[in-house]
N, C-alpha and C. Protein backbone atom coordinates (compact mmCIF):
# COMPACT_ATOMS: atom_id res chain seq x y z
N MET A 1 0.83 -1.18 0.00
CA MET A 1 0.00 0.00 0.00
C MET A 1 0.88 1.25 0.00
N THR A 2 0.61 2.15 -0.93
CA THR A 2 1.36 3.38 -1.02
C THR A 2 0.75 4.41 -0.09
N ILE A 3 1.60 5.08 0.65
CA ILE A 3 1.16 6.12 1.58
C ILE A 3 1.56 7.46 0.99
N PHE A 4 0.61 8.39 0.93
CA PHE A 4 0.89 9.71 0.39
C PHE A 4 0.85 10.72 1.53
N VAL A 5 1.93 11.49 1.64
CA VAL A 5 2.05 12.44 2.74
C VAL A 5 2.25 13.87 2.24
N GLY A 6 1.89 14.11 0.99
CA GLY A 6 1.84 15.48 0.52
C GLY A 6 3.00 15.97 -0.31
N ARG A 7 3.97 15.12 -0.56
CA ARG A 7 5.12 15.55 -1.34
C ARG A 7 5.77 14.31 -1.94
N LEU A 8 6.11 14.36 -3.23
CA LEU A 8 6.68 13.21 -3.92
C LEU A 8 7.86 12.61 -3.17
N SER A 9 8.80 13.45 -2.77
CA SER A 9 10.00 12.94 -2.10
C SER A 9 9.67 12.32 -0.75
N LEU A 10 8.77 12.93 0.01
CA LEU A 10 8.39 12.36 1.30
C LEU A 10 7.56 11.09 1.13
N ASP A 11 6.83 11.00 0.01
CA ASP A 11 6.10 9.77 -0.28
C ASP A 11 7.09 8.61 -0.46
N LEU A 12 8.21 8.86 -1.13
CA LEU A 12 9.22 7.79 -1.28
C LEU A 12 9.81 7.44 0.08
N ALA A 13 10.09 8.45 0.90
CA ALA A 13 10.66 8.19 2.22
C ALA A 13 9.70 7.36 3.08
N ALA A 14 8.39 7.51 2.88
CA ALA A 14 7.40 6.78 3.66
C ALA A 14 7.11 5.38 3.10
N ALA A 15 7.62 5.11 1.91
CA ALA A 15 7.30 3.83 1.25
C ALA A 15 8.05 2.67 1.88
N ASP A 16 7.39 1.52 1.92
CA ASP A 16 8.02 0.28 2.38
C ASP A 16 8.54 -0.44 1.14
N LEU A 17 9.81 -0.30 0.89
CA LEU A 17 10.41 -0.89 -0.31
C LEU A 17 11.24 -2.11 0.08
N HIS A 18 10.59 -3.26 0.12
CA HIS A 18 11.28 -4.48 0.50
C HIS A 18 11.73 -5.28 -0.72
N THR A 19 10.95 -5.20 -1.79
CA THR A 19 11.27 -5.97 -3.00
C THR A 19 11.23 -5.06 -4.21
N THR A 20 11.74 -5.57 -5.32
CA THR A 20 11.68 -4.80 -6.56
C THR A 20 10.23 -4.55 -6.97
N ARG A 21 9.35 -5.50 -6.67
CA ARG A 21 7.92 -5.29 -6.98
C ARG A 21 7.34 -4.13 -6.18
N ASP A 22 7.81 -3.96 -4.94
CA ASP A 22 7.36 -2.82 -4.13
C ASP A 22 7.75 -1.50 -4.81
N LEU A 23 8.98 -1.44 -5.32
CA LEU A 23 9.43 -0.23 -6.00
C LEU A 23 8.64 -0.01 -7.29
N GLU A 24 8.42 -1.07 -8.04
CA GLU A 24 7.62 -0.96 -9.27
C GLU A 24 6.21 -0.44 -8.95
N ALA A 25 5.61 -0.96 -7.89
CA ALA A 25 4.27 -0.52 -7.50
C ALA A 25 4.29 0.94 -7.04
N TRP A 26 5.31 1.33 -6.28
CA TRP A 26 5.40 2.71 -5.81
C TRP A 26 5.53 3.66 -7.00
N LEU A 27 6.38 3.32 -7.96
CA LEU A 27 6.56 4.17 -9.13
C LEU A 27 5.25 4.34 -9.90
N ALA A 28 4.48 3.27 -10.01
CA ALA A 28 3.20 3.33 -10.73
C ALA A 28 2.15 4.11 -9.94
N ASP A 29 2.13 3.95 -8.62
CA ASP A 29 1.11 4.59 -7.78
C ASP A 29 1.45 6.04 -7.42
N SER A 30 2.72 6.42 -7.51
CA SER A 30 3.15 7.77 -7.13
C SER A 30 2.59 8.79 -8.11
N THR A 31 2.78 10.05 -7.81
CA THR A 31 2.31 11.10 -8.71
C THR A 31 3.07 11.07 -10.03
N LEU A 32 4.21 10.40 -10.07
CA LEU A 32 4.94 10.26 -11.34
C LEU A 32 4.22 9.34 -12.32
N GLU A 33 3.50 8.35 -11.78
CA GLU A 33 2.78 7.37 -12.59
C GLU A 33 3.67 6.74 -13.66
N VAL A 34 4.82 6.24 -13.24
CA VAL A 34 5.72 5.53 -14.14
C VAL A 34 5.30 4.07 -14.13
N VAL A 35 4.64 3.65 -15.18
CA VAL A 35 4.03 2.32 -15.24
C VAL A 35 4.86 1.42 -16.14
N GLY A 36 4.96 0.15 -15.73
CA GLY A 36 5.56 -0.87 -16.59
C GLY A 36 7.06 -1.02 -16.50
N LEU A 37 7.68 -0.42 -15.52
CA LEU A 37 9.13 -0.61 -15.36
C LEU A 37 9.42 -1.91 -14.64
N ALA A 38 10.44 -2.59 -15.07
CA ALA A 38 10.93 -3.78 -14.36
C ALA A 38 12.19 -3.34 -13.61
N CYS A 39 12.11 -3.32 -12.30
CA CYS A 39 13.21 -2.83 -11.47
C CYS A 39 14.17 -3.95 -11.10
N THR A 40 15.42 -3.59 -10.95
CA THR A 40 16.45 -4.54 -10.54
C THR A 40 16.76 -4.37 -9.06
N ALA A 41 17.47 -5.32 -8.51
CA ALA A 41 17.89 -5.23 -7.10
C ALA A 41 18.80 -4.02 -6.89
N ARG A 42 19.61 -3.71 -7.86
CA ARG A 42 20.51 -2.55 -7.77
C ARG A 42 19.70 -1.25 -7.73
N GLU A 43 18.66 -1.18 -8.55
CA GLU A 43 17.81 0.01 -8.55
C GLU A 43 17.02 0.13 -7.25
N LEU A 44 16.61 -1.00 -6.70
CA LEU A 44 15.93 -1.00 -5.41
C LEU A 44 16.86 -0.45 -4.33
N ALA A 45 18.11 -0.88 -4.35
CA ALA A 45 19.09 -0.38 -3.38
C ALA A 45 19.29 1.13 -3.54
N ALA A 46 19.34 1.60 -4.78
CA ALA A 46 19.49 3.04 -5.04
C ALA A 46 18.28 3.80 -4.52
N ALA A 47 17.08 3.27 -4.75
CA ALA A 47 15.86 3.93 -4.27
C ALA A 47 15.86 3.99 -2.75
N ARG A 48 16.30 2.94 -2.11
CA ARG A 48 16.36 2.94 -0.64
C ARG A 48 17.34 3.99 -0.14
N ARG A 49 18.50 4.13 -0.82
CA ARG A 49 19.48 5.14 -0.41
C ARG A 49 18.89 6.55 -0.57
N VAL A 50 18.22 6.79 -1.67
CA VAL A 50 17.59 8.10 -1.89
C VAL A 50 16.52 8.34 -0.82
N ALA A 51 15.70 7.33 -0.54
CA ALA A 51 14.65 7.47 0.49
C ALA A 51 15.26 7.78 1.85
N THR A 52 16.35 7.11 2.19
CA THR A 52 17.02 7.35 3.48
C THR A 52 17.58 8.77 3.54
N ALA A 53 18.16 9.23 2.45
CA ALA A 53 18.70 10.60 2.41
C ALA A 53 17.58 11.62 2.56
N ILE A 54 16.46 11.37 1.89
CA ILE A 54 15.32 12.27 2.00
C ILE A 54 14.82 12.30 3.44
N GLU A 55 14.69 11.12 4.04
CA GLU A 55 14.18 11.07 5.41
C GLU A 55 15.10 11.80 6.39
N SER A 56 16.41 11.59 6.27
CA SER A 56 17.31 12.26 7.21
C SER A 56 17.31 13.77 6.98
N GLY A 57 17.22 14.21 5.73
CA GLY A 57 17.14 15.64 5.45
C GLY A 57 15.83 16.24 5.96
N ALA A 58 14.74 15.52 5.76
CA ALA A 58 13.44 16.00 6.20
C ALA A 58 13.32 16.01 7.73
N ARG A 59 13.88 14.99 8.38
CA ARG A 59 13.85 14.99 9.86
C ARG A 59 14.63 16.19 10.40
N ALA A 60 15.75 16.50 9.77
CA ALA A 60 16.51 17.68 10.18
C ALA A 60 15.68 18.95 9.95
N ALA A 61 15.02 19.03 8.80
CA ALA A 61 14.19 20.21 8.51
C ALA A 61 13.05 20.35 9.51
N ALA A 62 12.44 19.23 9.89
CA ALA A 62 11.33 19.27 10.85
C ALA A 62 11.80 19.77 12.22
N ARG A 63 13.10 19.64 12.48
CA ARG A 63 13.68 20.13 13.75
C ARG A 63 14.39 21.47 13.57
N SER A 64 14.17 22.12 12.43
CA SER A 64 14.81 23.40 12.10
C SER A 64 16.34 23.29 12.09
N ARG A 65 16.82 22.17 11.58
CA ARG A 65 18.27 21.96 11.46
C ARG A 65 18.65 21.80 10.00
N ARG A 66 19.93 21.91 9.75
CA ARG A 66 20.46 21.71 8.40
C ARG A 66 20.43 20.23 8.05
N PRO A 67 20.09 19.91 6.80
CA PRO A 67 20.16 18.50 6.39
C PRO A 67 21.60 18.01 6.47
N PRO A 68 21.81 16.74 6.82
CA PRO A 68 23.17 16.20 6.91
C PRO A 68 23.90 16.28 5.57
N ASP A 69 25.19 16.54 5.63
CA ASP A 69 26.01 16.68 4.42
C ASP A 69 25.93 15.45 3.52
N ASN A 70 25.98 14.25 4.12
CA ASN A 70 25.96 13.04 3.29
C ASN A 70 24.63 12.88 2.56
N ALA A 71 23.54 13.30 3.19
CA ALA A 71 22.23 13.24 2.54
C ALA A 71 22.17 14.22 1.38
N VAL A 72 22.70 15.41 1.58
CA VAL A 72 22.71 16.42 0.52
C VAL A 72 23.56 15.94 -0.66
N ARG A 73 24.71 15.37 -0.37
CA ARG A 73 25.58 14.86 -1.46
C ARG A 73 24.87 13.78 -2.26
N LEU A 74 24.22 12.85 -1.57
CA LEU A 74 23.54 11.76 -2.26
C LEU A 74 22.39 12.30 -3.11
N LEU A 75 21.60 13.21 -2.56
CA LEU A 75 20.49 13.79 -3.31
C LEU A 75 20.98 14.60 -4.52
N ASN A 76 22.08 15.31 -4.34
CA ASN A 76 22.67 16.05 -5.47
C ASN A 76 23.10 15.09 -6.58
N ARG A 77 23.71 13.97 -6.22
CA ARG A 77 24.13 12.98 -7.23
C ARG A 77 22.93 12.38 -7.95
N ALA A 78 21.89 12.03 -7.18
CA ALA A 78 20.70 11.45 -7.80
C ALA A 78 20.00 12.46 -8.71
N ALA A 79 19.94 13.72 -8.29
CA ALA A 79 19.28 14.76 -9.09
C ALA A 79 20.05 15.10 -10.35
N ALA A 80 21.35 14.81 -10.36
CA ALA A 80 22.18 15.12 -11.52
C ALA A 80 21.92 14.18 -12.70
N LEU A 81 21.28 13.04 -12.43
CA LEU A 81 20.94 12.13 -13.53
C LEU A 81 19.86 12.78 -14.40
N PRO A 82 19.82 12.41 -15.69
CA PRO A 82 18.76 12.98 -16.54
C PRO A 82 17.38 12.62 -15.99
N PRO A 83 16.47 13.61 -15.94
CA PRO A 83 15.13 13.35 -15.41
C PRO A 83 14.25 12.63 -16.44
N LEU A 84 13.05 12.33 -16.03
CA LEU A 84 12.06 11.75 -16.93
C LEU A 84 11.74 12.75 -18.05
N THR A 85 11.51 12.21 -19.23
CA THR A 85 11.16 13.05 -20.37
C THR A 85 9.68 12.87 -20.68
N PRO A 86 8.89 13.94 -20.57
CA PRO A 86 7.46 13.81 -20.84
C PRO A 86 7.19 13.61 -22.33
N ARG A 87 6.08 12.95 -22.60
CA ARG A 87 5.70 12.67 -23.99
C ARG A 87 4.18 12.73 -24.10
N LEU A 88 3.70 13.37 -25.13
CA LEU A 88 2.28 13.41 -25.43
C LEU A 88 2.08 12.66 -26.74
N ASP A 89 1.24 11.65 -26.71
CA ASP A 89 0.98 10.87 -27.91
C ASP A 89 0.31 11.77 -28.95
N PRO A 90 0.89 11.87 -30.16
CA PRO A 90 0.32 12.79 -31.16
C PRO A 90 -1.08 12.41 -31.61
N ARG A 91 -1.41 11.13 -31.54
CA ARG A 91 -2.72 10.66 -31.98
C ARG A 91 -3.77 10.79 -30.89
N THR A 92 -3.47 10.22 -29.71
CA THR A 92 -4.47 10.15 -28.64
C THR A 92 -4.39 11.30 -27.65
N ARG A 93 -3.29 12.01 -27.66
CA ARG A 93 -3.02 13.11 -26.71
C ARG A 93 -2.87 12.59 -25.28
N ASP A 94 -2.56 11.31 -25.14
CA ASP A 94 -2.31 10.72 -23.82
C ASP A 94 -0.89 11.07 -23.37
N PHE A 95 -0.77 11.39 -22.10
CA PHE A 95 0.54 11.71 -21.51
C PHE A 95 1.24 10.43 -21.09
N SER A 96 2.54 10.39 -21.29
CA SER A 96 3.36 9.28 -20.80
C SER A 96 4.80 9.79 -20.67
N TRP A 97 5.68 8.89 -20.29
CA TRP A 97 7.10 9.21 -20.21
C TRP A 97 7.81 8.53 -21.37
N HIS A 98 8.72 9.25 -22.02
CA HIS A 98 9.50 8.69 -23.12
C HIS A 98 10.65 7.88 -22.54
N GLN A 99 10.62 6.59 -22.76
CA GLN A 99 11.66 5.66 -22.31
C GLN A 99 12.06 5.90 -20.84
N PRO A 100 11.10 5.73 -19.93
CA PRO A 100 11.39 5.99 -18.51
C PRO A 100 12.36 4.95 -17.94
N THR A 101 13.16 5.40 -16.98
CA THR A 101 14.05 4.51 -16.24
C THR A 101 13.88 4.79 -14.76
N VAL A 102 14.32 3.85 -13.95
CA VAL A 102 14.26 4.06 -12.50
C VAL A 102 15.17 5.22 -12.12
N GLY A 103 16.35 5.30 -12.73
CA GLY A 103 17.28 6.40 -12.44
C GLY A 103 16.66 7.76 -12.74
N ALA A 104 15.93 7.85 -13.85
CA ALA A 104 15.28 9.12 -14.20
C ALA A 104 14.18 9.45 -13.19
N ALA A 105 13.43 8.44 -12.77
CA ALA A 105 12.38 8.67 -11.78
C ALA A 105 12.99 9.11 -10.44
N LEU A 106 14.08 8.46 -10.04
CA LEU A 106 14.74 8.85 -8.80
C LEU A 106 15.33 10.26 -8.90
N SER A 107 15.75 10.64 -10.10
CA SER A 107 16.23 12.00 -10.32
C SER A 107 15.11 13.01 -10.06
N GLU A 108 13.91 12.71 -10.53
CA GLU A 108 12.75 13.58 -10.27
C GLU A 108 12.46 13.68 -8.77
N VAL A 109 12.53 12.54 -8.09
CA VAL A 109 12.26 12.52 -6.65
C VAL A 109 13.33 13.33 -5.91
N ALA A 110 14.59 13.15 -6.29
CA ALA A 110 15.68 13.88 -5.63
C ALA A 110 15.56 15.38 -5.89
N ARG A 111 15.16 15.76 -7.10
CA ARG A 111 14.96 17.18 -7.41
C ARG A 111 13.87 17.78 -6.54
N ASP A 112 12.81 17.01 -6.32
CA ASP A 112 11.73 17.47 -5.44
C ASP A 112 12.26 17.66 -4.01
N ALA A 113 13.05 16.70 -3.54
CA ALA A 113 13.62 16.81 -2.19
C ALA A 113 14.53 18.02 -2.07
N LEU A 114 15.37 18.25 -3.08
CA LEU A 114 16.28 19.40 -3.04
C LEU A 114 15.51 20.72 -3.05
N ALA A 115 14.44 20.78 -3.85
CA ALA A 115 13.62 21.99 -3.87
C ALA A 115 13.00 22.24 -2.51
N MET A 116 12.53 21.16 -1.88
CA MET A 116 11.90 21.28 -0.56
C MET A 116 12.93 21.67 0.50
N LEU A 117 14.06 21.00 0.52
CA LEU A 117 15.07 21.25 1.56
C LEU A 117 15.87 22.52 1.32
N GLY A 118 15.88 23.00 0.08
CA GLY A 118 16.66 24.19 -0.25
C GLY A 118 15.89 25.50 -0.10
N ASP A 119 14.60 25.42 0.14
CA ASP A 119 13.78 26.62 0.26
C ASP A 119 13.32 26.75 1.71
N PRO A 120 13.72 27.83 2.40
CA PRO A 120 13.35 27.98 3.81
C PRO A 120 11.84 27.91 4.07
N ASP A 121 11.03 28.47 3.16
CA ASP A 121 9.58 28.43 3.35
C ASP A 121 9.06 26.99 3.26
N GLN A 122 9.61 26.21 2.33
CA GLN A 122 9.17 24.82 2.19
C GLN A 122 9.70 23.97 3.35
N ARG A 123 10.92 24.22 3.76
CA ARG A 123 11.49 23.47 4.90
C ARG A 123 10.62 23.60 6.14
N ARG A 124 10.07 24.80 6.35
CA ARG A 124 9.22 25.03 7.53
C ARG A 124 7.92 24.22 7.48
N ARG A 125 7.56 23.75 6.32
CA ARG A 125 6.32 22.98 6.18
C ARG A 125 6.53 21.47 6.30
N VAL A 126 7.76 21.05 6.55
CA VAL A 126 8.04 19.64 6.80
C VAL A 126 7.78 19.39 8.27
N ARG A 127 6.92 18.43 8.56
CA ARG A 127 6.51 18.17 9.94
C ARG A 127 6.58 16.69 10.26
N THR A 128 6.60 16.41 11.55
CA THR A 128 6.44 15.05 12.05
C THR A 128 5.02 14.95 12.58
N CYS A 129 4.36 13.84 12.30
CA CYS A 129 2.98 13.63 12.71
C CYS A 129 2.84 13.82 14.23
N ALA A 130 1.76 14.50 14.63
CA ALA A 130 1.51 14.77 16.05
C ALA A 130 0.94 13.57 16.79
N ASN A 131 0.58 12.51 16.07
CA ASN A 131 0.09 11.29 16.70
C ASN A 131 1.27 10.64 17.43
N PRO A 132 1.18 10.43 18.74
CA PRO A 132 2.32 9.86 19.48
C PRO A 132 2.69 8.45 19.02
N ASN A 133 1.77 7.76 18.33
CA ASN A 133 2.06 6.41 17.83
C ASN A 133 2.55 6.41 16.39
N CYS A 134 2.79 7.57 15.83
CA CYS A 134 3.21 7.69 14.43
C CYS A 134 4.46 8.56 14.36
N VAL A 135 5.40 8.16 13.58
CA VAL A 135 6.63 8.95 13.43
C VAL A 135 6.79 9.45 12.00
N ARG A 136 5.72 9.33 11.21
CA ARG A 136 5.78 9.67 9.79
C ARG A 136 5.99 11.17 9.58
N LEU A 137 6.80 11.49 8.58
CA LEU A 137 7.00 12.86 8.15
C LEU A 137 5.94 13.21 7.12
N PHE A 138 5.57 14.48 7.06
CA PHE A 138 4.65 14.91 6.02
C PHE A 138 4.94 16.36 5.65
N TYR A 139 4.41 16.75 4.52
CA TYR A 139 4.55 18.13 4.04
C TYR A 139 3.22 18.83 4.24
N ASP A 140 3.22 19.89 5.01
CA ASP A 140 2.00 20.64 5.30
C ASP A 140 1.72 21.61 4.17
N ASP A 141 0.83 21.21 3.28
CA ASP A 141 0.49 22.07 2.15
C ASP A 141 -0.82 22.82 2.39
N SER A 142 -1.29 22.83 3.63
CA SER A 142 -2.52 23.55 3.95
C SER A 142 -2.26 25.06 3.89
N ARG A 143 -3.28 25.81 3.54
CA ARG A 143 -3.13 27.26 3.42
C ARG A 143 -2.61 27.90 4.72
N PRO A 144 -3.23 27.60 5.88
CA PRO A 144 -2.72 28.25 7.11
C PRO A 144 -1.41 27.64 7.62
N GLY A 145 -1.01 26.47 7.09
CA GLY A 145 0.23 25.85 7.54
C GLY A 145 0.17 25.33 8.96
N GLN A 146 -1.00 24.81 9.36
CA GLN A 146 -1.16 24.34 10.74
C GLN A 146 -1.58 22.88 10.81
N ARG A 147 -1.34 22.12 9.76
CA ARG A 147 -1.70 20.70 9.77
C ARG A 147 -0.85 19.98 10.81
N ARG A 148 -1.45 19.03 11.52
CA ARG A 148 -0.74 18.35 12.61
C ARG A 148 -0.49 16.87 12.34
N TRP A 149 -1.27 16.28 11.44
CA TRP A 149 -1.18 14.83 11.25
C TRP A 149 -0.76 14.48 9.83
N CYS A 150 -0.08 13.35 9.71
CA CYS A 150 0.37 12.90 8.39
C CYS A 150 -0.82 12.65 7.48
N SER A 151 -1.90 12.18 8.06
CA SER A 151 -3.12 11.92 7.30
C SER A 151 -4.32 12.30 8.17
N PRO A 152 -5.06 13.31 7.76
CA PRO A 152 -6.25 13.67 8.54
C PRO A 152 -7.23 12.51 8.66
N ALA A 153 -7.26 11.64 7.66
CA ALA A 153 -8.19 10.51 7.69
C ALA A 153 -7.68 9.36 8.56
N ARG A 154 -6.40 9.32 8.82
CA ARG A 154 -5.86 8.22 9.62
C ARG A 154 -5.49 8.72 11.02
N CYS A 155 -4.39 9.38 11.15
CA CYS A 155 -3.95 9.84 12.46
C CYS A 155 -4.84 10.95 13.01
N GLY A 156 -5.36 11.81 12.15
CA GLY A 156 -6.26 12.87 12.59
C GLY A 156 -7.54 12.30 13.18
N ASP A 157 -8.12 11.31 12.51
CA ASP A 157 -9.33 10.67 13.03
C ASP A 157 -9.06 9.98 14.36
N GLN A 158 -7.92 9.32 14.47
CA GLN A 158 -7.57 8.64 15.73
C GLN A 158 -7.46 9.66 16.86
N ALA A 159 -6.81 10.80 16.60
CA ALA A 159 -6.65 11.83 17.63
C ALA A 159 -7.99 12.43 18.03
N ARG A 160 -8.84 12.68 17.05
CA ARG A 160 -10.17 13.23 17.36
C ARG A 160 -10.99 12.22 18.16
N ALA A 161 -10.89 10.94 17.83
CA ALA A 161 -11.62 9.90 18.56
C ALA A 161 -11.12 9.82 20.00
N ARG A 162 -9.79 9.88 20.20
CA ARG A 162 -9.23 9.86 21.56
C ARG A 162 -9.72 11.06 22.35
N ALA A 163 -9.70 12.23 21.73
CA ALA A 163 -10.14 13.46 22.42
C ALA A 163 -11.63 13.35 22.78
N TYR A 164 -12.42 12.82 21.88
CA TYR A 164 -13.86 12.64 22.13
C TYR A 164 -14.07 11.70 23.32
N ARG A 165 -13.38 10.56 23.30
CA ARG A 165 -13.53 9.60 24.42
C ARG A 165 -13.09 10.21 25.73
N ALA A 166 -12.03 11.01 25.71
CA ALA A 166 -11.54 11.65 26.94
C ALA A 166 -12.56 12.66 27.46
N ARG A 167 -13.22 13.38 26.57
CA ARG A 167 -14.23 14.35 27.00
C ARG A 167 -15.45 13.65 27.59
N LYS A 168 -15.79 12.47 27.06
CA LYS A 168 -16.98 11.76 27.52
C LYS A 168 -16.77 11.06 28.86
N LYS A 169 -15.53 10.88 29.30
CA LYS A 169 -15.25 10.21 30.57
C LYS A 169 -15.60 11.10 31.74
């Protein structure tokens, strides 16, 4: 199951990538919608490294700290790869990617992470879920910038239910 937390790069960091099929499913389900790729174990390892770098950079941002140097170096290397090339079918006008690769998809994800971590306003919107049983990071894209939970439908509902039960006691 793919978990979406409001930002492409944070979505990768939240993904459970145990097998190449997990990575293939994440790529298809993500906002990139890269469908039909056959991933290798090496590409899975690369995706995990990028996800780890994103998570450590985002955790630092959530604490108003600088992202670790090693995470920044890894994200810079991943972003330096050629990105996905968009394609519009001339006949059907359907959107797709021209000869997509896992490396190109990871480049897009790393670019998103660098944009988020490199902009002070965006860094301030990286948060850790307020649910004490959840440690997930999320990007607060709400207008007032006061979102507290990784998912209003999941952790938010749980918190509201706990508060309701506490009031009724």
